[in-house]
Amino acid sequence: MPKNISIAVGTEMKASDRQVYRWLGAQWAKVGKKGRTTTMANSKIGNELTQRNLTPKKSLSKVQKGKKSVAWFKTKVGESSKGFSKASRLMPGKIYTFGYDAKGKKTLPYWDKFPLILVLDVFPGGFIGLNFHYIKPIERERFLKKIMKFSTQKGDPETFTKKARFNADWSSVKGIDNADKMIHKYLFSQVRTTLLESPPNEWENVIYLPYQKFVGASAKSVWSK
């Protein structure tokens, strides 16, 4: 998509196949009867819908102008997700997002300023988890489906309660494709915003939110490694 073109996340359009699709920030997804996204649009439909939006915006939104700041992060998450809420405490098996400033950033080839983490373990001073941002959106979907077997609640994630979590640790997920790209350690001393928790019934949606901010490399470059 051209750099001077902006499609608002959540934009919905009907395609030539008479199906309604929603823009998730990186690609189009079909909208089901319950208003939830289901499968990704194929390349033909995706290109068709994108071409319809090739009208340059006259001005950038407030969120876009503040993209490099922590304020942007908090605003972006607030506008893009229905359920992120302040976490009272960090719990293994839950998914969180926050602003982060890597301690070893001077020597790291790249790092994510706004992680989306499935916490696997909490230790004095920090925690270890899987950052969904290190893999492509479509791969996030596949990974989430594979780890659903570890969920404490079964069925449609849309029906999960706040008590749902993943009963998993590194030993149980390390054999899943891309887990090695996602595993990272984080220090509480380097967390720069409030820890926000994603409610379980939004897990399938939050993995698509395009607010990752890699320092030292582009998202496409990170995803290709």
C-alpha atoms as a PDB file:
ATOM      1  CA  MET A   1       0.000   0.000   0.000  1.00  0.00           C
ATOM      2  CA  PRO A   2       1.418   3.451  -0.900  1.00  0.00           C
ATOM      3  CA  LYS A   3       2.913   5.337   2.056  1.00  0.00           C
ATOM      4  CA  ASN A   4       0.619   8.332   1.548  1.00  0.00           C
ATOM      5  CA  ILE A   5      -2.511   6.211   1.815  1.00  0.00           C
ATOM      6  CA  SER A   6      -4.160   5.541   5.142  1.00  0.00           C
ATOM      7  CA  ILE A   7      -6.990   3.083   5.748  1.00  0.00           C
ATOM      8  CA  ALA A   8      -8.501   3.381   9.208  1.00  0.00           C
ATOM      9  CA  VAL A   9      -8.390   0.181  11.231  1.00  0.00           C
ATOM     10  CA  GLY A  10     -11.912  -1.239  11.404  1.00  0.00           C
ATOM     11  CA  THR A  11     -12.976   0.054   7.966  1.00  0.00           C
ATOM     12  CA  GLU A  12     -15.540  -2.335   6.463  1.00  0.00           C
ATOM     13  CA  MET A  13     -16.407  -2.760   2.773  1.00  0.00           C
ATOM     14  CA  LYS A  14     -18.365  -5.176   0.621  1.00  0.00           C
ATOM     15  CA  ALA A  15     -16.291  -6.849  -2.084  1.00  0.00           C
ATOM     16  CA  SER A  16     -17.242  -8.219  -5.506  1.00  0.00           C
ATOM     17  CA  ASP A  17     -17.908 -11.621  -3.914  1.00  0.00           C
ATOM     18  CA  ARG A  18     -20.706  -9.917  -1.911  1.00  0.00           C
ATOM     19  CA  GLN A  19     -18.914 -10.560   1.358  1.00  0.00           C
ATOM     20  CA  VAL A  20     -18.121  -7.823   3.886  1.00  0.00           C
ATOM     21  CA  TYR A  21     -14.454  -7.412   4.864  1.00  0.00           C
ATOM     22  CA  ARG A  22     -12.787  -5.444   7.659  1.00  0.00           C
ATOM     23  CA  TRP A  23      -9.371  -3.783   7.469  1.00  0.00           C
ATOM     24  CA  LEU A  24      -7.188  -5.054  10.354  1.00  0.00           C
ATOM     25  CA  GLY A  25      -4.260  -2.767   9.720  1.00  0.00           C
ATOM     26  CA  ALA A  26      -2.185  -5.098   7.561  1.00  0.00           C
ATOM     27  CA  GLN A  27      -4.793  -7.038   5.606  1.00  0.00           C
ATOM     28  CA  TRP A  28      -8.525  -7.520   5.010  1.00  0.00           C
ATOM     29  CA  ALA A  29     -10.551 -10.169   6.875  1.00  0.00           C
ATOM     30  CA  LYS A  30     -14.034 -11.496   6.206  1.00  0.00           C
ATOM     31  CA  VAL A  31     -16.685 -10.408   8.722  1.00  0.00           C
ATOM     32  CA  GLY A  32     -18.945 -13.201   9.985  1.00  0.00           C
ATOM     33  CA  LYS A  33     -22.597 -13.104  11.014  1.00  0.00           C
ATOM     34  CA  LYS A  34     -21.744 -12.194  14.613  1.00  0.00           C
ATOM     35  CA  GLY A  35     -19.623  -9.260  13.511  1.00  0.00           C
ATOM     36  CA  ARG A  36     -16.364 -11.092  14.219  1.00  0.00           C
ATOM     37  CA  THR A  37     -13.605 -11.522  11.660  1.00  0.00           C
ATOM     38  CA  THR A  38     -13.147 -15.036  10.285  1.00  0.00           C
ATOM     39  CA  THR A  39     -10.825 -15.847   7.362  1.00  0.00           C
ATOM     40  CA  MET A  40      -8.349 -13.546   5.645  1.00  0.00           C
ATOM     41  CA  ALA A  41      -9.219 -12.156   2.203  1.00  0.00           C
ATOM     42  CA  ASN A  42      -7.386 -13.723  -0.739  1.00  0.00           C
ATOM     43  CA  SER A  43      -4.964 -11.537  -2.716  1.00  0.00           C
ATOM     44  CA  LYS A  44      -7.528 -10.708  -5.424  1.00  0.00           C
ATOM     45  CA  ILE A  45     -10.147  -9.445  -2.958  1.00  0.00           C
ATOM     46  CA  GLY A  46      -7.523  -7.749  -0.818  1.00  0.00           C
ATOM     47  CA  ASN A  47      -6.149  -5.796  -3.785  1.00  0.00           C
ATOM     48  CA  GLU A  48      -9.646  -4.899  -4.918  1.00  0.00           C
ATOM     49  CA  LEU A  49     -10.597  -3.400  -1.553  1.00  0.00           C
ATOM     50  CA  THR A  50      -7.290  -1.611  -1.125  1.00  0.00           C
ATOM     51  CA  GLN A  51      -7.549  -0.002  -4.580  1.00  0.00           C
ATOM     52  CA  ARG A  52     -10.905   1.475  -3.594  1.00  0.00           C
ATOM     53  CA  ASN A  53      -9.178   3.291  -0.760  1.00  0.00           C
ATOM     54  CA  LEU A  54      -6.444   4.925  -2.849  1.00  0.00           C
ATOM     55  CA  THR A  55      -7.578   8.423  -1.908  1.00  0.00           C
ATOM     56  CA  PRO A  56      -4.862  10.324  -0.029  1.00  0.00           C
ATOM     57  CA  LYS A  57      -5.906  11.737   3.317  1.00  0.00           C
ATOM     58  CA  LYS A  58      -5.672  15.516   3.583  1.00  0.00           C
ATOM     59  CA  SER A  59      -4.237  15.354   7.069  1.00  0.00           C
ATOM     60  CA  LEU A  60      -2.923  12.768   9.498  1.00  0.00           C
ATOM     61  CA  SER A  61      -4.990  11.795  12.515  1.00  0.00           C
ATOM     62  CA  LYS A  62      -3.925  12.743  16.028  1.00  0.00           C
ATOM     63  CA  VAL A  63      -2.897   9.144  16.627  1.00  0.00           C
ATOM     64  CA  GLN A  64      -0.642   9.076  13.536  1.00  0.00           C
ATOM     65  CA  LYS A  65       1.049  12.367  14.446  1.00  0.00           C
ATOM     66  CA  GLY A  66       1.901  11.058  17.894  1.00  0.00           C
ATOM     67  CA  LYS A  67       3.097   7.659  16.749  1.00  0.00           C
ATOM     68  CA  LYS A  68       6.525   7.868  18.375  1.00  0.00           C
ATOM     69  CA  SER A  69       5.318   8.669  21.859  1.00  0.00           C
ATOM     70  CA  VAL A  70       3.970   6.659  24.765  1.00  0.00           C
ATOM     71  CA  ALA A  71       0.851   8.836  24.560  1.00  0.00           C
ATOM     72  CA  TRP A  72       0.271   7.505  21.033  1.00  0.00           C
ATOM     73  CA  PHE A  73       0.556   3.942  22.296  1.00  0.00           C
ATOM     74  CA  LYS A  74      -2.030   4.428  25.049  1.00  0.00           C
ATOM     75  CA  THR A  75      -4.405   6.217  22.661  1.00  0.00           C
ATOM     76  CA  LYS A  76      -3.947   3.644  19.886  1.00  0.00           C
ATOM     77  CA  VAL A  77      -4.702   0.698  22.110  1.00  0.00           C
ATOM     78  CA  GLY A  78      -7.674   2.490  23.624  1.00  0.00           C
ATOM     79  CA  GLU A  79      -9.203   3.220  20.218  1.00  0.00           C
ATOM     80  CA  SER A  80      -8.444  -0.124  18.608  1.00  0.00           C
ATOM     81  CA  SER A  81      -9.543  -2.600  21.254  1.00  0.00           C
ATOM     82  CA  LYS A  82     -12.825  -2.995  23.073  1.00  0.00           C
ATOM     83  CA  GLY A  83     -11.448  -4.501  26.220  1.00  0.00           C
ATOM     84  CA  PHE A  84      -7.899  -3.657  27.273  1.00  0.00           C
ATOM     85  CA  SER A  85      -7.925  -2.770  30.950  1.00  0.00           C
ATOM     86  CA  LYS A  86      -5.395  -1.852  33.612  1.00  0.00           C
ATOM     87  CA  ALA A  87      -3.850  -4.975  35.086  1.00  0.00           C
ATOM     88  CA  SER A  88      -3.935  -5.240  38.870  1.00  0.00           C
ATOM     89  CA  ARG A  89      -1.145  -7.807  38.695  1.00  0.00           C
ATOM     90  CA  LEU A  90       0.725  -9.809  36.091  1.00  0.00           C
ATOM     91  CA  MET A  91      -0.459 -13.401  35.806  1.00  0.00           C
ATOM     92  CA  PRO A  92       1.110 -16.205  33.720  1.00  0.00           C
ATOM     93  CA  GLY A  93      -1.222 -17.373  30.965  1.00  0.00           C
ATOM     94  CA  LYS A  94      -2.715 -13.934  30.286  1.00  0.00           C
ATOM     95  CA  ILE A  95      -2.050 -11.545  27.382  1.00  0.00           C
ATOM     96  CA  TYR A  96      -0.771  -8.021  28.109  1.00  0.00           C
ATOM     97  CA  THR A  97       0.494  -4.978  26.246  1.00  0.00           C
ATOM     98  CA  PHE A  98       2.611  -2.037  27.420  1.00  0.00           C
ATOM     99  CA  GLY A  99       5.223   0.513  26.410  1.00  0.00           C
ATOM    100  CA  TYR A 100       8.798  -0.714  26.830  1.00  0.00           C
ATOM    101  CA  ASP A 101      12.353   0.654  26.692  1.00  0.00           C
ATOM    102  CA  ALA A 102      14.831  -2.205  26.239  1.00  0.00           C
ATOM    103  CA  LYS A 103      17.731  -2.055  28.701  1.00  0.00           C
ATOM    104  CA  GLY A 104      20.275  -3.357  26.202  1.00  0.00           C
ATOM    105  CA  LYS A 105      18.927  -1.363  23.259  1.00  0.00           C
ATOM    106  CA  LYS A 106      22.386  -0.095  22.268  1.00  0.00           C
ATOM    107  CA  THR A 107      23.525  -3.601  21.409  1.00  0.00           C
ATOM    108  CA  LEU A 108      20.248  -5.153  20.260  1.00  0.00           C
ATOM    109  CA  PRO A 109      19.789  -5.431  16.471  1.00  0.00           C
ATOM    110  CA  TYR A 110      16.110  -4.524  16.945  1.00  0.00           C
ATOM    111  CA  TRP A 111      13.393  -4.550  19.603  1.00  0.00           C
ATOM    112  CA  ASP A 112       9.671  -3.866  19.987  1.00  0.00           C
ATOM    113  CA  LYS A 113       8.691  -0.668  21.805  1.00  0.00           C
ATOM    114  CA  PHE A 114       5.070  -1.761  22.295  1.00  0.00           C
ATOM    115  CA  PRO A 115       4.946  -5.551  22.923  1.00  0.00           C
ATOM    116  CA  LEU A 116       1.879  -7.798  22.978  1.00  0.00           C
ATOM    117  CA  ILE A 117       2.829 -10.594  25.356  1.00  0.00           C
ATOM    118  CA  LEU A 118       1.436 -13.946  26.414  1.00  0.00           C
ATOM    119  CA  VAL A 119       3.156 -14.198  29.806  1.00  0.00           C
ATOM    120  CA  LEU A 120       4.663 -17.616  30.515  1.00  0.00           C
ATOM    121  CA  ASP A 121       6.479 -16.920  33.776  1.00  0.00           C
ATOM    122  CA  VAL A 122       7.004 -14.090  36.266  1.00  0.00           C
ATOM    123  CA  PHE A 123      10.261 -13.789  38.205  1.00  0.00           C
ATOM    124  CA  PRO A 124      11.658 -11.193  40.654  1.00  0.00           C
ATOM    125  CA  GLY A 125      12.238  -8.105  38.556  1.00  0.00           C
ATOM    126  CA  GLY A 126      10.509  -9.185  35.380  1.00  0.00           C
ATOM    127  CA  PHE A 127       8.765 -11.788  33.269  1.00  0.00           C
ATOM    128  CA  ILE A 128       9.160 -14.053  30.240  1.00  0.00           C
ATOM    129  CA  GLY A 129       6.617 -14.318  27.473  1.00  0.00           C
ATOM    130  CA  LEU A 130       5.734 -14.695  23.812  1.00  0.00           C
ATOM    131  CA  ASN A 131       5.530 -11.449  21.850  1.00  0.00           C
ATOM    132  CA  PHE A 132       3.028 -11.887  18.999  1.00  0.00           C
ATOM    133  CA  HIS A 133       4.472  -8.870  17.187  1.00  0.00           C
ATOM    134  CA  TYR A 134       7.572 -10.799  16.106  1.00  0.00           C
ATOM    135  CA  ILE A 135       5.592 -12.820  13.559  1.00  0.00           C
ATOM    136  CA  LYS A 136       3.240 -11.889  10.714  1.00  0.00           C
ATOM    137  CA  PRO A 137      -0.474 -11.396  11.510  1.00  0.00           C
ATOM    138  CA  ILE A 138      -1.494 -14.561   9.641  1.00  0.00           C
ATOM    139  CA  GLU A 139       1.132 -16.549  11.589  1.00  0.00           C
ATOM    140  CA  ARG A 140      -0.189 -15.086  14.843  1.00  0.00           C
ATOM    141  CA  GLU A 141      -3.588 -16.512  13.980  1.00  0.00           C
ATOM    142  CA  ARG A 142      -2.106 -19.962  13.362  1.00  0.00           C
ATOM    143  CA  PHE A 143      -0.072 -19.819  16.560  1.00  0.00           C
ATOM    144  CA  LEU A 144      -3.086 -18.777  18.626  1.00  0.00           C
ATOM    145  CA  LYS A 145      -5.117 -21.676  17.252  1.00  0.00           C
ATOM    146  CA  LYS A 146      -2.369 -24.145  18.187  1.00  0.00           C
ATOM    147  CA  ILE A 147      -2.082 -22.938  21.774  1.00  0.00           C
ATOM    148  CA  MET A 148      -5.850 -22.945  22.331  1.00  0.00           C
ATOM    149  CA  LYS A 149      -5.423 -26.517  23.575  1.00  0.00           C
ATOM    150  CA  PHE A 150      -3.766 -24.988  26.641  1.00  0.00           C
ATOM    151  CA  SER A 151      -6.701 -22.671  27.383  1.00  0.00           C
ATOM    152  CA  THR A 152      -8.471 -23.324  30.676  1.00  0.00           C
ATOM    153  CA  GLN A 153     -11.788 -22.689  28.920  1.00  0.00           C
ATOM    154  CA  LYS A 154     -12.915 -24.456  25.744  1.00  0.00           C
ATOM    155  CA  GLY A 155     -15.096 -23.595  22.785  1.00  0.00           C
ATOM    156  CA  ASP A 156     -15.455 -20.260  20.999  1.00  0.00           C
ATOM    157  CA  PRO A 157     -13.003 -17.715  22.521  1.00  0.00           C
ATOM    158  CA  GLU A 158     -15.715 -15.087  22.084  1.00  0.00           C
ATOM    159  CA  THR A 159     -17.567 -16.771  24.972  1.00  0.00           C
ATOM    160  CA  PHE A 160     -14.573 -16.944  27.328  1.00  0.00           C
ATOM    161  CA  THR A 161     -14.826 -15.210  30.697  1.00  0.00           C
ATOM    162  CA  LYS A 162     -12.180 -13.060  32.374  1.00  0.00           C
ATOM    163  CA  LYS A 163     -10.950 -16.114  34.260  1.00  0.00           C
ATOM    164  CA  ALA A 164      -9.736 -17.876  31.111  1.00  0.00           C
ATOM    165  CA  ARG A 165      -5.982 -18.176  30.669  1.00  0.00           C
ATOM    166  CA  PHE A 166      -3.382 -20.385  29.009  1.00  0.00           C
ATOM    167  CA  ASN A 167      -2.030 -23.122  31.255  1.00  0.00           C
ATOM    168  CA  ALA A 168       1.339 -23.239  29.476  1.00  0.00           C
ATOM    169  CA  ASP A 169       5.034 -22.651  30.026  1.00  0.00           C
ATOM    170  CA  TRP A 170       8.050 -22.614  27.727  1.00  0.00           C
ATOM    171  CA  SER A 171       8.484 -26.380  27.819  1.00  0.00           C
ATOM    172  CA  SER A 172       4.948 -26.882  26.503  1.00  0.00           C
ATOM    173  CA  VAL A 173       5.087 -24.323  23.659  1.00  0.00           C
ATOM    174  CA  LYS A 174       8.706 -24.376  22.493  1.00  0.00           C
ATOM    175  CA  GLY A 175       7.962 -27.019  19.853  1.00  0.00           C
ATOM    176  CA  ILE A 176       5.320 -24.883  18.127  1.00  0.00           C
ATOM    177  CA  ASP A 177       6.393 -23.106  14.925  1.00  0.00           C
ATOM    178  CA  ASN A 178       7.665 -19.541  15.549  1.00  0.00           C
ATOM    179  CA  ALA A 179       7.768 -19.867  19.342  1.00  0.00           C
ATOM    180  CA  ASP A 180      11.537 -19.369  19.225  1.00  0.00           C
ATOM    181  CA  LYS A 181      11.047 -16.015  17.439  1.00  0.00           C
ATOM    182  CA  MET A 182       8.486 -14.832  19.980  1.00  0.00           C
ATOM    183  CA  ILE A 183      10.103 -15.719  23.308  1.00  0.00           C
ATOM    184  CA  HIS A 184      11.561 -12.688  25.141  1.00  0.00           C
ATOM    185  CA  LYS A 185      12.430 -11.525  28.645  1.00  0.00           C
ATOM    186  CA  TYR A 186      11.186  -8.193  30.017  1.00  0.00           C
ATOM    187  CA  LEU A 187      12.220  -6.194  33.080  1.00  0.00           C
ATOM    188  CA  PHE A 188       9.676  -4.306  35.190  1.00  0.00           C
ATOM    189  CA  SER A 189      12.212  -1.470  35.514  1.00  0.00           C
ATOM    190  CA  GLN A 190      12.004  -0.890  31.747  1.00  0.00           C
ATOM    191  CA  VAL A 191       8.196  -0.898  31.435  1.00  0.00           C
ATOM    192  CA  ARG A 192       7.144   2.656  30.539  1.00  0.00           C
ATOM    193  CA  THR A 193       3.339   2.546  30.627  1.00  0.00           C
ATOM    194  CA  THR A 194       0.535   0.930  32.545  1.00  0.00           C
ATOM    195  CA  LEU A 195       0.308  -2.820  31.970  1.00  0.00           C
ATOM    196  CA  LEU A 196      -2.900  -3.423  30.026  1.00  0.00           C
ATOM    197  CA  GLU A 197      -4.602  -6.818  29.925  1.00  0.00           C
ATOM    198  CA  SER A 198      -6.564  -8.180  26.987  1.00  0.00           C
ATOM    199  CA  PRO A 199      -9.774  -9.939  28.047  1.00  0.00           C
ATOM    200  CA  PRO A 200      -9.919 -13.540  26.772  1.00  0.00           C
ATOM    201  CA  ASN A 201     -12.953 -12.856  24.571  1.00  0.00           C
ATOM    202  CA  GLU A 202     -10.799 -10.380  22.591  1.00  0.00           C
ATOM    203  CA  TRP A 203      -7.752 -12.643  22.091  1.00  0.00           C
ATOM    204  CA  GLU A 204      -8.676 -13.341  18.470  1.00  0.00           C
ATOM    205  CA  ASN A 205      -8.837  -9.619  17.708  1.00  0.00           C
ATOM    206  CA  VAL A 206      -5.932  -8.082  19.625  1.00  0.00           C
ATOM    207  CA  ILE A 207      -3.317 -10.189  17.819  1.00  0.00           C
ATOM    208  CA  TYR A 208      -4.101  -8.216  14.639  1.00  0.00           C
ATOM    209  CA  LEU A 209      -3.760  -4.717  16.100  1.00  0.00           C
ATOM    210  CA  PRO A 210      -0.959  -3.073  14.033  1.00  0.00           C
ATOM    211  CA  TYR A 211       0.699  -1.004  16.733  1.00  0.00           C
ATOM    212  CA  GLN A 212       4.053  -2.812  16.936  1.00  0.00           C
ATOM    213  CA  LYS A 213       6.962  -0.373  16.887  1.00  0.00           C
ATOM    214  CA  PHE A 214      10.279  -2.008  16.078  1.00  0.00           C
ATOM    215  CA  VAL A 215      13.380   0.040  16.780  1.00  0.00           C
ATOM    216  CA  GLY A 216      16.343  -0.826  14.553  1.00  0.00           C
ATOM    217  CA  ALA A 217      14.383  -2.598  11.804  1.00  0.00           C
ATOM    218  CA  SER A 218      11.092  -2.509   9.951  1.00  0.00           C
ATOM    219  CA  ALA A 219       8.308  -4.942  10.784  1.00  0.00           C
ATOM    220  CA  LYS A 220       8.658  -6.609   7.367  1.00  0.00           C
ATOM    221  CA  SER A 221      12.367  -7.117   7.987  1.00  0.00           C
ATOM    222  CA  VAL A 222      11.737  -8.653  11.420  1.00  0.00           C
ATOM    223  CA  TRP A 223       9.025 -10.954  10.063  1.00  0.00           C
ATOM    224  CA  SER A 224      11.270 -12.205   7.260  1.00  0.00           C
ATOM    225  CA  LYS A 225      13.952 -13.480   9.654  1.00  0.00           C
END
